[in-house]
Amino acid sequence: MMVDDDRFARGFLERISAVRIFRVHVFTYVLFNGLFILIDFLTASSGWFFWPMLAWGIGLTIHWLYFKSINIDEEWVEQRTEDVRLMAYDAGHIENIEKRYFGASEPSAR
């Protein structure tokens, strides 16, 4: 039981650290790109700030995808699956299939 508690605590601390790192990344992105835009505006340049903003934005997007992927566990998957199942337009059809599959343990003899 102690090993599971240690693993849970370690995973929790890793997630907290990931949240902080991602927030710092977003803050620096906004700060520096705002500075780039200001410099471009003050020097009457031709929009050079777009390219670093685009490249950094791609890196930030990749970081966001990684950040979201570490928060996925079995409980999240089960909850999301249940949400999608309940929101399905054809939920009655799914329930009928479940009843046929789980309701009849042995095929009926005719």
PDB file of N, CA and C in Angstrom:
ATOM      1  N   MET A   1       0.823  -1.190   0.000  1.00  0.00           N
ATOM      2  CA  MET A   1       0.000   0.000   0.000  1.00  0.00           C
ATOM      3  C   MET A   1       0.868   1.255   0.000  1.00  0.00           C
ATOM      4  N   MET A   2       1.996   1.192   0.661  1.00  0.00           N
ATOM      5  CA  MET A   2       2.886   2.339   0.737  1.00  0.00           C
ATOM      6  C   MET A   2       3.473   2.679  -0.634  1.00  0.00           C
ATOM      7  N   VAL A   3       3.744   1.665  -1.426  1.00  0.00           N
ATOM      8  CA  VAL A   3       4.297   1.891  -2.765  1.00  0.00           C
ATOM      9  C   VAL A   3       3.287   2.638  -3.626  1.00  0.00           C
ATOM     10  N   ASP A   4       2.005   2.272  -3.550  1.00  0.00           N
ATOM     11  CA  ASP A   4       0.972   2.961  -4.317  1.00  0.00           C
ATOM     12  C   ASP A   4       0.842   4.417  -3.881  1.00  0.00           C
ATOM     13  N   ASP A   5       0.937   4.665  -2.566  1.00  0.00           N
ATOM     14  CA  ASP A   5       0.863   6.032  -2.067  1.00  0.00           C
ATOM     15  C   ASP A   5       2.038   6.862  -2.563  1.00  0.00           C
ATOM     16  N   ASP A   6       3.229   6.274  -2.567  1.00  0.00           N
ATOM     17  CA  ASP A   6       4.408   6.988  -3.061  1.00  0.00           C
ATOM     18  C   ASP A   6       4.284   7.284  -4.550  1.00  0.00           C
ATOM     19  N   ARG A   7       3.794   6.308  -5.308  1.00  0.00           N
ATOM     20  CA  ARG A   7       3.622   6.500  -6.747  1.00  0.00           C
ATOM     21  C   ARG A   7       2.581   7.581  -7.021  1.00  0.00           C
ATOM     22  N   PHE A   8       1.490   7.574  -6.234  1.00  0.00           N
ATOM     23  CA  PHE A   8       0.456   8.594  -6.391  1.00  0.00           C
ATOM     24  C   PHE A   8       1.014   9.975  -6.066  1.00  0.00           C
ATOM     25  N   ALA A   9       1.755  10.084  -4.971  1.00  0.00           N
ATOM     26  CA  ALA A   9       2.335  11.369  -4.566  1.00  0.00           C
ATOM     27  C   ALA A   9       3.325  11.870  -5.611  1.00  0.00           C
ATOM     28  N   ARG A  10       4.145  10.975  -6.138  1.00  0.00           N
ATOM     29  CA  ARG A  10       5.114  11.352  -7.155  1.00  0.00           C
ATOM     30  C   ARG A  10       4.403  11.835  -8.418  1.00  0.00           C
ATOM     31  N   GLY A  11       3.355  11.124  -8.823  1.00  0.00           N
ATOM     32  CA  GLY A  11       2.588  11.536  -9.998  1.00  0.00           C
ATOM     33  C   GLY A  11       1.905  12.867  -9.786  1.00  0.00           C
ATOM     34  N   PHE A  12       1.393  13.090  -8.578  1.00  0.00           N
ATOM     35  CA  PHE A  12       0.740  14.354  -8.256  1.00  0.00           C
ATOM     36  C   PHE A  12       1.731  15.505  -8.320  1.00  0.00           C
ATOM     37  N   LEU A  13       2.908  15.306  -7.758  1.00  0.00           N
ATOM     38  CA  LEU A  13       3.934  16.352  -7.782  1.00  0.00           C
ATOM     39  C   LEU A  13       4.407  16.634  -9.201  1.00  0.00           C
ATOM     40  N   GLU A  14       4.498  15.592 -10.031  1.00  0.00           N
ATOM     41  CA  GLU A  14       4.884  15.795 -11.428  1.00  0.00           C
ATOM     42  C   GLU A  14       3.838  16.617 -12.170  1.00  0.00           C
ATOM     43  N   ARG A  15       2.553  16.364 -11.889  1.00  0.00           N
ATOM     44  CA  ARG A  15       1.495  17.134 -12.547  1.00  0.00           C
ATOM     45  C   ARG A  15       1.518  18.594 -12.107  1.00  0.00           C
ATOM     46  N   ILE A  16       1.728  18.826 -10.808  1.00  0.00           N
ATOM     47  CA  ILE A  16       1.800  20.198 -10.302  1.00  0.00           C
ATOM     48  C   ILE A  16       2.969  20.924 -10.960  1.00  0.00           C
ATOM     49  N   SER A  17       4.102  20.247 -11.063  1.00  0.00           N
ATOM     50  CA  SER A  17       5.270  20.834 -11.706  1.00  0.00           C
ATOM     51  C   SER A  17       4.982  21.134 -13.177  1.00  0.00           C
ATOM     52  N   ALA A  18       4.295  20.236 -13.844  1.00  0.00           N
ATOM     53  CA  ALA A  18       3.963  20.437 -15.257  1.00  0.00           C
ATOM     54  C   ALA A  18       3.035  21.635 -15.432  1.00  0.00           C
ATOM     55  N   VAL A  19       2.109  21.824 -14.515  1.00  0.00           N
ATOM     56  CA  VAL A  19       1.200  22.981 -14.577  1.00  0.00           C
ATOM     57  C   VAL A  19       2.000  24.271 -14.453  1.00  0.00           C
ATOM     58  N   ARG A  20       2.908  24.307 -13.483  1.00  0.00           N
ATOM     59  CA  ARG A  20       3.721  25.517 -13.284  1.00  0.00           C
ATOM     60  C   ARG A  20       4.587  25.809 -14.505  1.00  0.00           C
ATOM     61  N   ILE A  21       5.231  24.798 -15.033  1.00  0.00           N
ATOM     62  CA  ILE A  21       6.097  24.991 -16.195  1.00  0.00           C
ATOM     63  C   ILE A  21       5.294  25.476 -17.395  1.00  0.00           C
ATOM     64  N   PHE A  22       4.111  24.909 -17.608  1.00  0.00           N
ATOM     65  CA  PHE A  22       3.285  25.331 -18.733  1.00  0.00           C
ATOM     66  C   PHE A  22       2.830  26.780 -18.565  1.00  0.00           C
ATOM     67  N   ARG A  23       2.446  27.156 -17.348  1.00  0.00           N
ATOM     68  CA  ARG A  23       2.028  28.536 -17.106  1.00  0.00           C
ATOM     69  C   ARG A  23       3.171  29.514 -17.370  1.00  0.00           C
ATOM     70  N   VAL A  24       4.378  29.150 -16.956  1.00  0.00           N
ATOM     71  CA  VAL A  24       5.537  30.004 -17.223  1.00  0.00           C
ATOM     72  C   VAL A  24       5.769  30.120 -18.726  1.00  0.00           C
ATOM     73  N   HIS A  25       5.609  29.030 -19.451  1.00  0.00           N
ATOM     74  CA  HIS A  25       5.790  29.045 -20.895  1.00  0.00           C
ATOM     75  C   HIS A  25       4.774  29.985 -21.561  1.00  0.00           C
ATOM     76  N   VAL A  26       3.519  29.896 -21.141  1.00  0.00           N
ATOM     77  CA  VAL A  26       2.482  30.765 -21.714  1.00  0.00           C
ATOM     78  C   VAL A  26       2.780  32.227 -21.372  1.00  0.00           C
ATOM     79  N   PHE A  27       3.159  32.486 -20.129  1.00  0.00           N
ATOM     80  CA  PHE A  27       3.468  33.857 -19.712  1.00  0.00           C
ATOM     81  C   PHE A  27       4.617  34.433 -20.529  1.00  0.00           C
ATOM     82  N   THR A  28       5.691  33.670 -20.705  1.00  0.00           N
ATOM     83  CA  THR A  28       6.827  34.178 -21.479  1.00  0.00           C
ATOM     84  C   THR A  28       6.457  34.364 -22.952  1.00  0.00           C
ATOM     85  N   TYR A  29       5.613  33.483 -23.482  1.00  0.00           N
ATOM     86  CA  TYR A  29       5.150  33.629 -24.868  1.00  0.00           C
ATOM     87  C   TYR A  29       4.423  34.957 -25.047  1.00  0.00           C
ATOM     88  N   VAL A  30       3.486  35.233 -24.151  1.00  0.00           N
ATOM     89  CA  VAL A  30       2.706  36.467 -24.249  1.00  0.00           C
ATOM     90  C   VAL A  30       3.610  37.682 -24.037  1.00  0.00           C
ATOM     91  N   LEU A  31       4.471  37.620 -23.037  1.00  0.00           N
ATOM     92  CA  LEU A  31       5.353  38.745 -22.730  1.00  0.00           C
ATOM     93  C   LEU A  31       6.302  39.063 -23.891  1.00  0.00           C
ATOM     94  N   PHE A  32       7.020  38.057 -24.361  1.00  0.00           N
ATOM     95  CA  PHE A  32       8.000  38.309 -25.417  1.00  0.00           C
ATOM     96  C   PHE A  32       7.350  38.671 -26.747  1.00  0.00           C
ATOM     97  N   ASN A  33       6.249  38.024 -27.080  1.00  0.00           N
ATOM     98  CA  ASN A  33       5.607  38.368 -28.352  1.00  0.00           C
ATOM     99  C   ASN A  33       4.972  39.747 -28.287  1.00  0.00           C
ATOM    100  N   GLY A  34       4.479  40.139 -27.120  1.00  0.00           N
ATOM    101  CA  GLY A  34       4.015  41.515 -26.956  1.00  0.00           C
ATOM    102  C   GLY A  34       5.158  42.496 -27.140  1.00  0.00           C
ATOM    103  N   LEU A  35       6.324  42.145 -26.590  1.00  0.00           N
ATOM    104  CA  LEU A  35       7.511  42.980 -26.755  1.00  0.00           C
ATOM    105  C   LEU A  35       7.934  43.046 -28.229  1.00  0.00           C
ATOM    106  N   PHE A  36       7.899  41.922 -28.915  1.00  0.00           N
ATOM    107  CA  PHE A  36       8.246  41.896 -30.341  1.00  0.00           C
ATOM    108  C   PHE A  36       7.306  42.793 -31.155  1.00  0.00           C
ATOM    109  N   ILE A  37       6.016  42.717 -30.861  1.00  0.00           N
ATOM    110  CA  ILE A  37       5.039  43.543 -31.579  1.00  0.00           C
ATOM    111  C   ILE A  37       5.290  45.019 -31.293  1.00  0.00           C
ATOM    112  N   LEU A  38       5.585  45.337 -30.024  1.00  0.00           N
ATOM    113  CA  LEU A  38       5.872  46.727 -29.659  1.00  0.00           C
ATOM    114  C   LEU A  38       7.113  47.235 -30.396  1.00  0.00           C
ATOM    115  N   ILE A  39       8.157  46.439 -30.431  1.00  0.00           N
ATOM    116  CA  ILE A  39       9.385  46.831 -31.139  1.00  0.00           C
ATOM    117  C   ILE A  39       9.087  47.029 -32.627  1.00  0.00           C
ATOM    118  N   ASP A  40       8.319  46.131 -33.200  1.00  0.00           N
ATOM    119  CA  ASP A  40       7.975  46.252 -34.620  1.00  0.00           C
ATOM    120  C   ASP A  40       7.179  47.530 -34.872  1.00  0.00           C
ATOM    121  N   PHE A  41       6.257  47.843 -33.971  1.00  0.00           N
ATOM    122  CA  PHE A  41       5.443  49.043 -34.131  1.00  0.00           C
ATOM    123  C   PHE A  41       6.291  50.309 -33.997  1.00  0.00           C
ATOM    124  N   LEU A  42       7.198  50.322 -33.025  1.00  0.00           N
ATOM    125  CA  LEU A  42       8.021  51.513 -32.783  1.00  0.00           C
ATOM    126  C   LEU A  42       9.072  51.736 -33.867  1.00  0.00           C
ATOM    127  N   THR A  43       9.513  50.664 -34.496  1.00  0.00           N
ATOM    128  CA  THR A  43      10.536  50.816 -35.536  1.00  0.00           C
ATOM    129  C   THR A  43       9.947  50.849 -36.933  1.00  0.00           C
ATOM    130  N   ALA A  44       8.649  50.773 -37.040  1.00  0.00           N
ATOM    131  CA  ALA A  44       7.953  50.796 -38.335  1.00  0.00           C
ATOM    132  C   ALA A  44       8.517  49.733 -39.280  1.00  0.00           C
ATOM    133  N   SER A  45       8.727  48.539 -38.737  1.00  0.00           N
ATOM    134  CA  SER A  45       9.226  47.432 -39.561  1.00  0.00           C
ATOM    135  C   SER A  45       8.088  46.815 -40.357  1.00  0.00           C
ATOM    136  N   SER A  46       8.411  45.748 -41.052  1.00  0.00           N
ATOM    137  CA  SER A  46       7.437  45.160 -41.967  1.00  0.00           C
ATOM    138  C   SER A  46       6.794  43.875 -41.441  1.00  0.00           C
ATOM    139  N   GLY A  47       6.606  43.747 -40.154  1.00  0.00           N
ATOM    140  CA  GLY A  47       5.895  42.586 -39.624  1.00  0.00           C
ATOM    141  C   GLY A  47       6.759  41.366 -39.400  1.00  0.00           C
ATOM    142  N   TRP A  48       8.023  41.544 -39.075  1.00  0.00           N
ATOM    143  CA  TRP A  48       8.929  40.422 -38.842  1.00  0.00           C
ATOM    144  C   TRP A  48       8.532  39.605 -37.617  1.00  0.00           C
ATOM    145  N   PHE A  49       7.782  40.219 -36.688  1.00  0.00           N
ATOM    146  CA  PHE A  49       7.413  39.542 -35.446  1.00  0.00           C
ATOM    147  C   PHE A  49       6.539  38.314 -35.682  1.00  0.00           C
ATOM    148  N   PHE A  50       5.902  38.254 -36.834  1.00  0.00           N
ATOM    149  CA  PHE A  50       4.998  37.139 -37.125  1.00  0.00           C
ATOM    150  C   PHE A  50       5.720  35.792 -37.108  1.00  0.00           C
ATOM    151  N   TRP A  51       6.912  35.730 -37.661  1.00  0.00           N
ATOM    152  CA  TRP A  51       7.615  34.448 -37.796  1.00  0.00           C
ATOM    153  C   TRP A  51       8.069  33.870 -36.451  1.00  0.00           C
ATOM    154  N   PRO A  52       8.683  34.673 -35.567  1.00  0.00           N
ATOM    155  CA  PRO A  52       8.996  34.099 -34.248  1.00  0.00           C
ATOM    156  C   PRO A  52       7.736  33.726 -33.475  1.00  0.00           C
ATOM    157  N   MET A  53       6.672  34.527 -33.643  1.00  0.00           N
ATOM    158  CA  MET A  53       5.418  34.229 -32.957  1.00  0.00           C
ATOM    159  C   MET A  53       4.845  32.900 -33.448  1.00  0.00           C
ATOM    160  N   LEU A  54       4.912  32.669 -34.742  1.00  0.00           N
ATOM    161  CA  LEU A  54       4.408  31.423 -35.311  1.00  0.00           C
ATOM    162  C   LEU A  54       5.233  30.225 -34.834  1.00  0.00           C
ATOM    163  N   ALA A  55       6.553  30.342 -34.897  1.00  0.00           N
ATOM    164  CA  ALA A  55       7.409  29.225 -34.475  1.00  0.00           C
ATOM    165  C   ALA A  55       7.228  28.928 -32.995  1.00  0.00           C
ATOM    166  N   TRP A  56       7.199  29.954 -32.179  1.00  0.00           N
ATOM    167  CA  TRP A  56       7.028  29.763 -30.748  1.00  0.00           C
ATOM    168  C   TRP A  56       5.624  29.228 -30.460  1.00  0.00           C
ATOM    169  N   GLY A  57       4.630  29.672 -31.218  1.00  0.00           N
ATOM    170  CA  GLY A  57       3.261  29.177 -31.053  1.00  0.00           C
ATOM    171  C   GLY A  57       3.158  27.689 -31.350  1.00  0.00           C
ATOM    172  N   ILE A  58       3.890  27.227 -32.354  1.00  0.00           N
ATOM    173  CA  ILE A  58       3.913  25.786 -32.650  1.00  0.00           C
ATOM    174  C   ILE A  58       4.532  25.022 -31.481  1.00  0.00           C
ATOM    175  N   GLY A  59       5.628  25.555 -30.948  1.00  0.00           N
ATOM    176  CA  GLY A  59       6.247  24.926 -29.776  1.00  0.00           C
ATOM    177  C   GLY A  59       5.322  24.932 -28.577  1.00  0.00           C
ATOM    178  N   LEU A  60       4.600  26.025 -28.367  1.00  0.00           N
ATOM    179  CA  LEU A  60       3.642  26.109 -27.260  1.00  0.00           C
ATOM    180  C   LEU A  60       2.498  25.118 -27.452  1.00  0.00           C
ATOM    181  N   THR A  61       2.053  24.942 -28.673  1.00  0.00           N
ATOM    182  CA  THR A  61       0.997  23.966 -28.961  1.00  0.00           C
ATOM    183  C   THR A  61       1.466  22.548 -28.646  1.00  0.00           C
ATOM    184  N   ILE A  62       2.675  22.224 -29.023  1.00  0.00           N
ATOM    185  CA  ILE A  62       3.228  20.903 -28.708  1.00  0.00           C
ATOM    186  C   ILE A  62       3.335  20.724 -27.207  1.00  0.00           C
ATOM    187  N   HIS A  63       3.768  21.753 -26.495  1.00  0.00           N
ATOM    188  CA  HIS A  63       3.850  21.691 -25.036  1.00  0.00           C
ATOM    189  C   HIS A  63       2.464  21.492 -24.429  1.00  0.00           C
ATOM    190  N   TRP A  64       1.443  22.173 -24.959  1.00  0.00           N
ATOM    191  CA  TRP A  64       0.079  22.022 -24.467  1.00  0.00           C
ATOM    192  C   TRP A  64      -0.425  20.589 -24.673  1.00  0.00           C
ATOM    193  N   LEU A  65      -0.137  20.025 -25.855  1.00  0.00           N
ATOM    194  CA  LEU A  65      -0.561  18.640 -26.113  1.00  0.00           C
ATOM    195  C   LEU A  65       0.098  17.675 -25.136  1.00  0.00           C
ATOM    196  N   TYR A  66       1.380  17.866 -24.861  1.00  0.00           N
ATOM    197  CA  TYR A  66       2.074  17.037 -23.865  1.00  0.00           C
ATOM    198  C   TYR A  66       1.451  17.241 -22.485  1.00  0.00           C
ATOM    199  N   PHE A  67       1.200  18.489 -22.124  1.00  0.00           N
ATOM    200  CA  PHE A  67       0.616  18.812 -20.829  1.00  0.00           C
ATOM    201  C   PHE A  67      -0.738  18.125 -20.659  1.00  0.00           C
ATOM    202  N   LYS A  68      -1.558  18.160 -21.683  1.00  0.00           N
ATOM    203  CA  LYS A  68      -2.863  17.501 -21.611  1.00  0.00           C
ATOM    204  C   LYS A  68      -2.727  15.982 -21.556  1.00  0.00           C
ATOM    205  N   SER A  69      -1.735  15.425 -22.216  1.00  0.00           N
ATOM    206  CA  SER A  69      -1.594  13.966 -22.267  1.00  0.00           C
ATOM    207  C   SER A  69      -1.178  13.375 -20.930  1.00  0.00           C
ATOM    208  N   ILE A  70      -0.475  14.120 -20.082  1.00  0.00           N
ATOM    209  CA  ILE A  70      -0.057  13.545 -18.799  1.00  0.00           C
ATOM    210  C   ILE A  70      -1.200  13.506 -17.797  1.00  0.00           C
ATOM    211  N   ASN A  71      -2.290  14.191 -18.072  1.00  0.00           N
ATOM    212  CA  ASN A  71      -3.428  14.201 -17.161  1.00  0.00           C
ATOM    213  C   ASN A  71      -4.470  13.138 -17.504  1.00  0.00           C
ATOM    214  N   ILE A  72      -4.183  12.289 -18.461  1.00  0.00           N
ATOM    215  CA  ILE A  72      -5.127  11.252 -18.856  1.00  0.00           C
ATOM    216  C   ILE A  72      -4.819   9.986 -18.065  1.00  0.00           C
ATOM    217  N   ASP A  73      -5.835   9.475 -17.376  1.00  0.00           N
ATOM    218  CA  ASP A  73      -5.703   8.216 -16.661  1.00  0.00           C
ATOM    219  C   ASP A  73      -6.961   7.387 -16.921  1.00  0.00           C
ATOM    220  N   GLU A  74      -7.025   6.211 -16.320  1.00  0.00           N
ATOM    221  CA  GLU A  74      -8.156   5.315 -16.589  1.00  0.00           C
ATOM    222  C   GLU A  74      -9.480   5.925 -16.156  1.00  0.00           C
ATOM    223  N   GLU A  75      -9.483   6.635 -15.041  1.00  0.00           N
ATOM    224  CA  GLU A  75     -10.718   7.252 -14.562  1.00  0.00           C
ATOM    225  C   GLU A  75     -11.227   8.292 -15.554  1.00  0.00           C
ATOM    226  N   TRP A  76     -10.306   9.107 -16.110  1.00  0.00           N
ATOM    227  CA  TRP A  76     -10.696  10.109 -17.097  1.00  0.00           C
ATOM    228  C   TRP A  76     -11.276   9.439 -18.330  1.00  0.00           C
ATOM    229  N   VAL A  77     -10.650   8.355 -18.785  1.00  0.00           N
ATOM    230  CA  VAL A  77     -11.122   7.654 -19.978  1.00  0.00           C
ATOM    231  C   VAL A  77     -12.517   7.096 -19.743  1.00  0.00           C
ATOM    232  N   GLU A  78     -12.737   6.477 -18.586  1.00  0.00           N
ATOM    233  CA  GLU A  78     -14.059   5.927 -18.287  1.00  0.00           C
ATOM    234  C   GLU A  78     -15.111   7.025 -18.218  1.00  0.00           C
ATOM    235  N   GLN A  79     -14.770   8.153 -17.574  1.00  0.00           N
ATOM    236  CA  GLN A  79     -15.712   9.259 -17.469  1.00  0.00           C
ATOM    237  C   GLN A  79     -16.032   9.835 -18.848  1.00  0.00           C
ATOM    238  N   ARG A  80     -15.022  10.028 -19.662  1.00  0.00           N
ATOM    239  CA  ARG A  80     -15.231  10.580 -21.000  1.00  0.00           C
ATOM    240  C   ARG A  80     -16.048   9.626 -21.870  1.00  0.00           C
ATOM    241  N   THR A  81     -15.769   8.336 -21.772  1.00  0.00           N
ATOM    242  CA  THR A  81     -16.520   7.343 -22.531  1.00  0.00           C
ATOM    243  C   THR A  81     -17.991   7.363 -22.129  1.00  0.00           C
ATOM    244  N   GLU A  82     -18.247   7.460 -20.834  1.00  0.00           N
ATOM    245  CA  GLU A  82     -19.633   7.515 -20.352  1.00  0.00           C
ATOM    246  C   GLU A  82     -20.312   8.796 -20.831  1.00  0.00           C
ATOM    247  N   ASP A  83     -19.597   9.921 -20.818  1.00  0.00           N
ATOM    248  CA  ASP A  83     -20.169  11.177 -21.313  1.00  0.00           C
ATOM    249  C   ASP A  83     -20.547  11.073 -22.785  1.00  0.00           C
ATOM    250  N   VAL A  84     -19.662  10.518 -23.580  1.00  0.00           N
ATOM    251  CA  VAL A  84     -19.937  10.372 -25.014  1.00  0.00           C
ATOM    252  C   VAL A  84     -21.097   9.412 -25.233  1.00  0.00           C
ATOM    253  N   ARG A  85     -21.127   8.353 -24.459  1.00  0.00           N
ATOM    254  CA  ARG A  85     -22.195   7.363 -24.588  1.00  0.00           C
ATOM    255  C   ARG A  85     -23.552   7.981 -24.248  1.00  0.00           C
ATOM    256  N   LEU A  86     -23.600   8.801 -23.201  1.00  0.00           N
ATOM    257  CA  LEU A  86     -24.862   9.419 -22.802  1.00  0.00           C
ATOM    258  C   LEU A  86     -25.304  10.515 -23.769  1.00  0.00           C
ATOM    259  N   MET A  87     -24.358  11.148 -24.440  1.00  0.00           N
ATOM    260  CA  MET A  87     -24.685  12.211 -25.381  1.00  0.00           C
ATOM    261  C   MET A  87     -24.951  11.671 -26.785  1.00  0.00           C
ATOM    262  N   ALA A  88     -24.816  10.388 -26.967  1.00  0.00           N
ATOM    263  CA  ALA A  88     -24.998   9.816 -28.300  1.00  0.00           C
ATOM    264  C   ALA A  88     -26.449  10.006 -28.752  1.00  0.00           C
ATOM    265  N   TYR A  89     -26.606  10.308 -30.016  1.00  0.00           N
ATOM    266  CA  TYR A  89     -27.941  10.506 -30.563  1.00  0.00           C
ATOM    267  C   TYR A  89     -28.724   9.203 -30.610  1.00  0.00           C
ATOM    268  N   ASP A  90     -28.017   8.112 -30.720  1.00  0.00           N
ATOM    269  CA  ASP A  90     -28.658   6.817 -30.857  1.00  0.00           C
ATOM    270  C   ASP A  90     -28.435   5.975 -29.605  1.00  0.00           C
ATOM    271  N   ALA A  91     -28.625   6.580 -28.431  1.00  0.00           N
ATOM    272  CA  ALA A  91     -28.364   5.886 -27.168  1.00  0.00           C
ATOM    273  C   ALA A  91     -29.293   4.687 -27.003  1.00  0.00           C
ATOM    274  N   GLY A  92     -30.514   4.789 -27.485  1.00  0.00           N
ATOM    275  CA  GLY A  92     -31.450   3.670 -27.377  1.00  0.00           C
ATOM    276  C   GLY A  92     -30.944   2.445 -28.125  1.00  0.00           C
ATOM    277  N   HIS A  93     -30.342   2.660 -29.272  1.00  0.00           N
ATOM    278  CA  HIS A  93     -29.779   1.570 -30.064  1.00  0.00           C
ATOM    279  C   HIS A  93     -28.622   0.904 -29.311  1.00  0.00           C
ATOM    280  N   ILE A  94     -27.793   1.717 -28.677  1.00  0.00           N
ATOM    281  CA  ILE A  94     -26.672   1.178 -27.907  1.00  0.00           C
ATOM    282  C   ILE A  94     -27.181   0.357 -26.733  1.00  0.00           C
ATOM    283  N   GLU A  95     -28.216   0.845 -26.051  1.00  0.00           N
ATOM    284  CA  GLU A  95     -28.783   0.093 -24.931  1.00  0.00           C
ATOM    285  C   GLU A  95     -29.372  -1.238 -25.399  1.00  0.00           C
ATOM    286  N   ASN A  96     -30.010  -1.258 -26.561  1.00  0.00           N
ATOM    287  CA  ASN A  96     -30.551  -2.511 -27.096  1.00  0.00           C
ATOM    288  C   ASN A  96     -29.440  -3.519 -27.375  1.00  0.00           C
ATOM    289  N   ILE A  97     -28.345  -3.053 -27.926  1.00  0.00           N
ATOM    290  CA  ILE A  97     -27.209  -3.939 -28.186  1.00  0.00           C
ATOM    291  C   ILE A  97     -26.659  -4.479 -26.877  1.00  0.00           C
ATOM    292  N   GLU A  98     -26.529  -3.613 -25.863  1.00  0.00           N
ATOM    293  CA  GLU A  98     -26.025  -4.065 -24.564  1.00  0.00           C
ATOM    294  C   GLU A  98     -26.962  -5.102 -23.957  1.00  0.00           C
ATOM    295  N   LYS A  99     -28.258  -4.884 -24.049  1.00  0.00           N
ATOM    296  CA  LYS A  99     -29.221  -5.846 -23.496  1.00  0.00           C
ATOM    297  C   LYS A  99     -29.118  -7.184 -24.212  1.00  0.00           C
ATOM    298  N   ARG A 100     -28.995  -7.155 -25.533  1.00  0.00           N
ATOM    299  CA  ARG A 100     -28.872  -8.404 -26.281  1.00  0.00           C
ATOM    300  C   ARG A 100     -27.572  -9.118 -25.954  1.00  0.00           C
ATOM    301  N   TYR A 101     -26.485  -8.358 -25.796  1.00  0.00           N
ATOM    302  CA  TYR A 101     -25.179  -8.968 -25.559  1.00  0.00           C
ATOM    303  C   TYR A 101     -25.048  -9.468 -24.127  1.00  0.00           C
ATOM    304  N   PHE A 102     -25.405  -8.632 -23.173  1.00  0.00           N
ATOM    305  CA  PHE A 102     -25.232  -9.009 -21.774  1.00  0.00           C
ATOM    306  C   PHE A 102     -26.440  -9.758 -21.213  1.00  0.00           C
ATOM    307  N   GLY A 103     -27.615  -9.576 -21.804  1.00  0.00           N
ATOM    308  CA  GLY A 103     -28.827 -10.203 -21.283  1.00  0.00           C
ATOM    309  C   GLY A 103     -28.901 -11.693 -21.610  1.00  0.00           C
ATOM    310  N   ALA A 104     -28.427 -12.097 -22.756  1.00  0.00           N
ATOM    311  CA  ALA A 104     -28.496 -13.495 -23.178  1.00  0.00           C
ATOM    312  C   ALA A 104     -27.132 -14.136 -22.999  1.00  0.00           C
ATOM    313  N   SER A 105     -26.961 -14.854 -21.871  1.00  0.00           N
ATOM    314  CA  SER A 105     -25.675 -15.470 -21.614  1.00  0.00           C
ATOM    315  C   SER A 105     -25.462 -16.700 -22.501  1.00  0.00           C
ATOM    316  N   GLU A 106     -26.553 -17.379 -22.835  1.00  0.00           N
ATOM    317  CA  GLU A 106     -26.463 -18.536 -23.727  1.00  0.00           C
ATOM    318  C   GLU A 106     -27.459 -18.355 -24.858  1.00  0.00           C
ATOM    319  N   PRO A 107     -27.104 -18.794 -26.039  1.00  0.00           N
ATOM    320  CA  PRO A 107     -28.054 -18.676 -27.156  1.00  0.00           C
ATOM    321  C   PRO A 107     -29.295 -19.522 -26.885  1.00  0.00           C
ATOM    322  N   SER A 108     -30.433 -18.991 -27.251  1.00  0.00           N
ATOM    323  CA  SER A 108     -31.669 -19.728 -27.020  1.00  0.00           C
ATOM    324  C   SER A 108     -31.808 -20.863 -28.030  1.00  0.00           C
ATOM    325  N   ALA A 109     -32.320 -21.996 -27.538  1.00  0.00           N
ATOM    326  CA  ALA A 109     -32.510 -23.162 -28.407  1.00  0.00           C
ATOM    327  C   ALA A 109     -33.902 -23.102 -29.001  1.00  0.00           C
ATOM    328  N   ARG A 110     -33.996 -23.298 -30.290  1.00  0.00           N
ATOM    329  CA  ARG A 110     -35.293 -23.289 -30.975  1.00  0.00           C
ATOM    330  C   ARG A 110     -35.723 -24.645 -31.328  1.00  0.00           C
TER     331      ARG A 110
END
